[in-house]
Amino acid sequence: MPEEAPVHVQRALARCCAIDCAVLTFVAHILASAGIQGRLANPVSRWLAEIGFPRALGATSQILRRTLGDGLRPTLFGLAGGTLAAFGVCWVLRLTLRLPGSSEFFHGVPFYDPATLSIVAAVALLVAGAAVAGPAWRALWLDPMEALRRE
């Protein structure tokens, strides 16, 4: 039993680090969501006069495209840059952590794991989409008469 104690301690430490990373990731997604929503809510409130006329004519697809595009464009650029940075970090880790018999794996996970990168990108895109949905919904259901009165 004493030989198993160090392995047990190492597993507990790894589990604790994984839980900490998960909590910090969740907090980071909440903050990113609030930032994207706040960044887009202000311009949408300023666009109310501009949105009123196309909304009165029934151009909802253009309004939706504008609000979603303005919110998701920075997210897509960030995902592209983050994916390139992740590949760079993976390459550096692969070069620096060469262990005998495990040159392609780090704790059982391959260095270049497309499933993990895809899941992370999908979650980030989902969070950004949820953050953009509020201002886009507000712009879509804007009363055209109210917007035209503000103009």
Protein backbone atom coordinates (compact mmCIF):
# COMPACT_ATOMS: atom_id res chain seq x y z
CA MET A 1 0.00 0.00 0.00
CA PRO A 2 2.77 2.55 0.65
CA GLU A 3 3.90 2.19 -2.98
CA GLU A 4 0.47 3.31 -4.22
CA ALA A 5 0.41 6.48 -2.12
CA PRO A 6 2.61 8.58 -4.45
CA VAL A 7 0.51 7.54 -7.47
CA HIS A 8 -2.66 8.40 -5.57
CA VAL A 9 -1.25 11.81 -4.65
CA GLN A 10 -0.20 12.47 -8.25
CA ARG A 11 -3.65 11.53 -9.56
CA ALA A 12 -5.35 13.72 -6.95
CA LEU A 13 -3.08 16.63 -7.91
CA ALA A 14 -3.79 16.11 -11.62
CA ARG A 15 -7.55 15.92 -10.90
CA CYS A 16 -7.36 19.12 -8.85
CA CYS A 17 -5.49 20.92 -11.66
CA ALA A 18 -8.06 19.70 -14.20
CA ILE A 19 -10.94 20.97 -12.05
CA ASP A 20 -9.19 24.32 -11.60
CA CYS A 21 -8.66 24.61 -15.36
CA ALA A 22 -12.31 23.77 -16.00
CA VAL A 23 -13.53 26.41 -13.55
CA LEU A 24 -11.19 29.06 -14.97
CA THR A 25 -12.29 28.16 -18.50
CA PHE A 26 -15.93 28.55 -17.50
CA VAL A 27 -15.22 31.96 -15.94
CA ALA A 28 -13.26 33.02 -19.04
CA HIS A 29 -16.19 32.04 -21.28
CA ILE A 30 -18.61 34.02 -19.10
CA LEU A 31 -16.36 37.10 -19.26
CA ALA A 32 -15.87 36.73 -23.02
CA SER A 33 -19.61 36.39 -23.49
CA ALA A 34 -20.27 39.53 -21.45
CA GLY A 35 -17.60 41.43 -23.38
CA ILE A 36 -18.97 40.46 -26.78
CA GLN A 37 -22.53 41.24 -25.72
CA GLY A 38 -21.49 44.61 -24.30
CA ARG A 39 -19.42 45.43 -27.36
CA LEU A 40 -22.36 44.75 -29.65
CA ALA A 41 -25.20 46.16 -27.51
CA ASN A 42 -23.88 49.72 -27.66
CA PRO A 43 -23.65 49.97 -31.48
CA VAL A 44 -27.07 48.32 -31.84
CA SER A 45 -28.60 51.00 -29.61
CA ARG A 46 -26.94 53.67 -31.80
CA TRP A 47 -28.17 51.96 -34.98
CA LEU A 48 -31.82 52.14 -33.92
CA ALA A 49 -32.52 55.06 -36.22
CA GLU A 50 -30.72 53.34 -39.10
CA ILE A 51 -32.42 50.01 -38.43
CA GLY A 52 -35.92 51.53 -38.26
CA PHE A 53 -36.33 52.27 -41.94
CA PRO A 54 -35.14 48.85 -43.25
CA ARG A 55 -37.16 47.19 -40.49
CA ALA A 56 -40.27 49.05 -41.65
CA LEU A 57 -39.64 47.76 -45.17
CA GLY A 58 -39.17 44.19 -43.90
CA ALA A 59 -35.43 43.79 -44.45
CA THR A 60 -34.93 41.58 -41.41
CA SER A 61 -32.30 39.38 -43.05
CA GLN A 62 -30.05 42.41 -43.67
CA ILE A 63 -30.46 43.57 -40.08
CA LEU A 64 -29.72 40.09 -38.77
CA ARG A 65 -26.70 39.73 -41.06
CA ARG A 66 -25.31 43.08 -39.91
CA THR A 67 -25.70 42.47 -36.19
CA LEU A 68 -24.49 38.86 -36.29
CA GLY A 69 -21.64 39.73 -38.63
CA ASP A 70 -20.41 42.58 -36.46
CA GLY A 71 -20.48 40.35 -33.41
CA LEU A 72 -19.09 37.13 -34.83
CA ARG A 73 -16.40 38.56 -37.14
CA PRO A 74 -13.93 39.29 -34.28
CA THR A 75 -14.69 35.88 -32.82
CA LEU A 76 -13.85 34.14 -36.08
CA PHE A 77 -10.59 36.09 -36.39
CA GLY A 78 -9.79 35.19 -32.78
CA LEU A 79 -10.50 31.52 -33.44
CA ALA A 80 -8.23 31.55 -36.48
CA GLY A 81 -5.42 33.21 -34.54
CA GLY A 82 -5.96 30.97 -31.53
CA THR A 83 -5.87 27.84 -33.66
CA LEU A 84 -2.59 28.94 -35.24
CA ALA A 85 -1.18 29.73 -31.80
CA ALA A 86 -2.35 26.34 -30.50
CA PHE A 87 -0.57 24.56 -33.34
CA GLY A 88 2.56 26.57 -32.56
CA VAL A 89 2.41 25.67 -28.87
CA CYS A 90 1.77 22.02 -29.75
CA TRP A 91 4.80 22.04 -32.02
CA VAL A 92 7.00 23.54 -29.27
CA LEU A 93 5.69 21.05 -26.71
CA ARG A 94 6.31 18.16 -29.08
CA LEU A 95 9.90 19.29 -29.57
CA THR A 96 10.65 19.97 -25.90
CA LEU A 97 8.84 17.06 -24.25
CA ARG A 98 10.34 14.14 -26.12
CA LEU A 99 10.14 11.21 -23.77
CA PRO A 100 11.30 7.71 -24.62
CA GLY A 101 8.40 5.75 -26.05
CA SER A 102 5.90 8.60 -25.87
CA SER A 103 7.01 11.15 -28.44
CA GLU A 104 3.50 11.61 -29.85
CA PHE A 105 1.50 11.63 -26.61
CA PHE A 106 1.37 13.81 -23.52
CA HIS A 107 -0.56 12.15 -20.70
CA GLY A 108 -2.31 9.91 -23.23
CA VAL A 109 -3.43 12.73 -25.53
CA PRO A 110 -1.71 13.34 -28.87
CA PHE A 111 -0.02 16.71 -29.25
CA TYR A 112 -2.03 17.52 -32.36
CA ASP A 113 -5.53 16.50 -31.32
CA PRO A 114 -8.01 17.83 -33.88
CA ALA A 115 -10.99 16.67 -31.80
CA THR A 116 -9.92 18.79 -28.82
CA LEU A 117 -9.19 21.83 -30.97
CA SER A 118 -12.53 21.44 -32.77
CA ILE A 119 -14.46 21.14 -29.50
CA VAL A 120 -12.76 24.21 -28.05
CA ALA A 121 -13.48 26.22 -31.22
CA ALA A 122 -17.11 25.04 -31.27
CA VAL A 123 -17.64 26.00 -27.62
CA ALA A 124 -16.09 29.44 -28.18
CA LEU A 125 -18.27 29.97 -31.25
CA LEU A 126 -21.34 28.82 -29.32
CA VAL A 127 -20.60 31.24 -26.47
CA ALA A 128 -20.06 34.10 -28.92
CA GLY A 129 -23.27 33.21 -30.76
CA ALA A 130 -25.21 33.24 -27.51
CA ALA A 131 -23.71 36.61 -26.60
CA VAL A 132 -24.58 38.10 -29.98
CA ALA A 133 -28.11 36.69 -29.95
CA GLY A 134 -29.41 39.25 -27.42
CA PRO A 135 -28.58 42.42 -29.38
CA ALA A 136 -29.56 40.73 -32.66
CA TRP A 137 -32.93 39.76 -31.17
CA ARG A 138 -33.40 43.33 -29.93
CA ALA A 139 -32.65 44.70 -33.40
CA LEU A 140 -34.98 42.20 -35.06
CA TRP A 141 -37.96 42.91 -32.82
CA LEU A 142 -37.52 46.66 -32.84
CA ASP A 143 -40.73 48.54 -33.43
CA PRO A 144 -40.15 50.43 -36.69
CA MET A 145 -42.33 53.36 -35.62
CA GLU A 146 -40.35 53.85 -32.43
CA ALA A 147 -37.07 53.83 -34.34
CA LEU A 148 -38.37 56.25 -36.95
CA ARG A 149 -39.61 58.60 -34.20
CA ARG A 150 -36.09 58.70 -32.73
CA GLU A 151 -34.73 59.79 -36.09
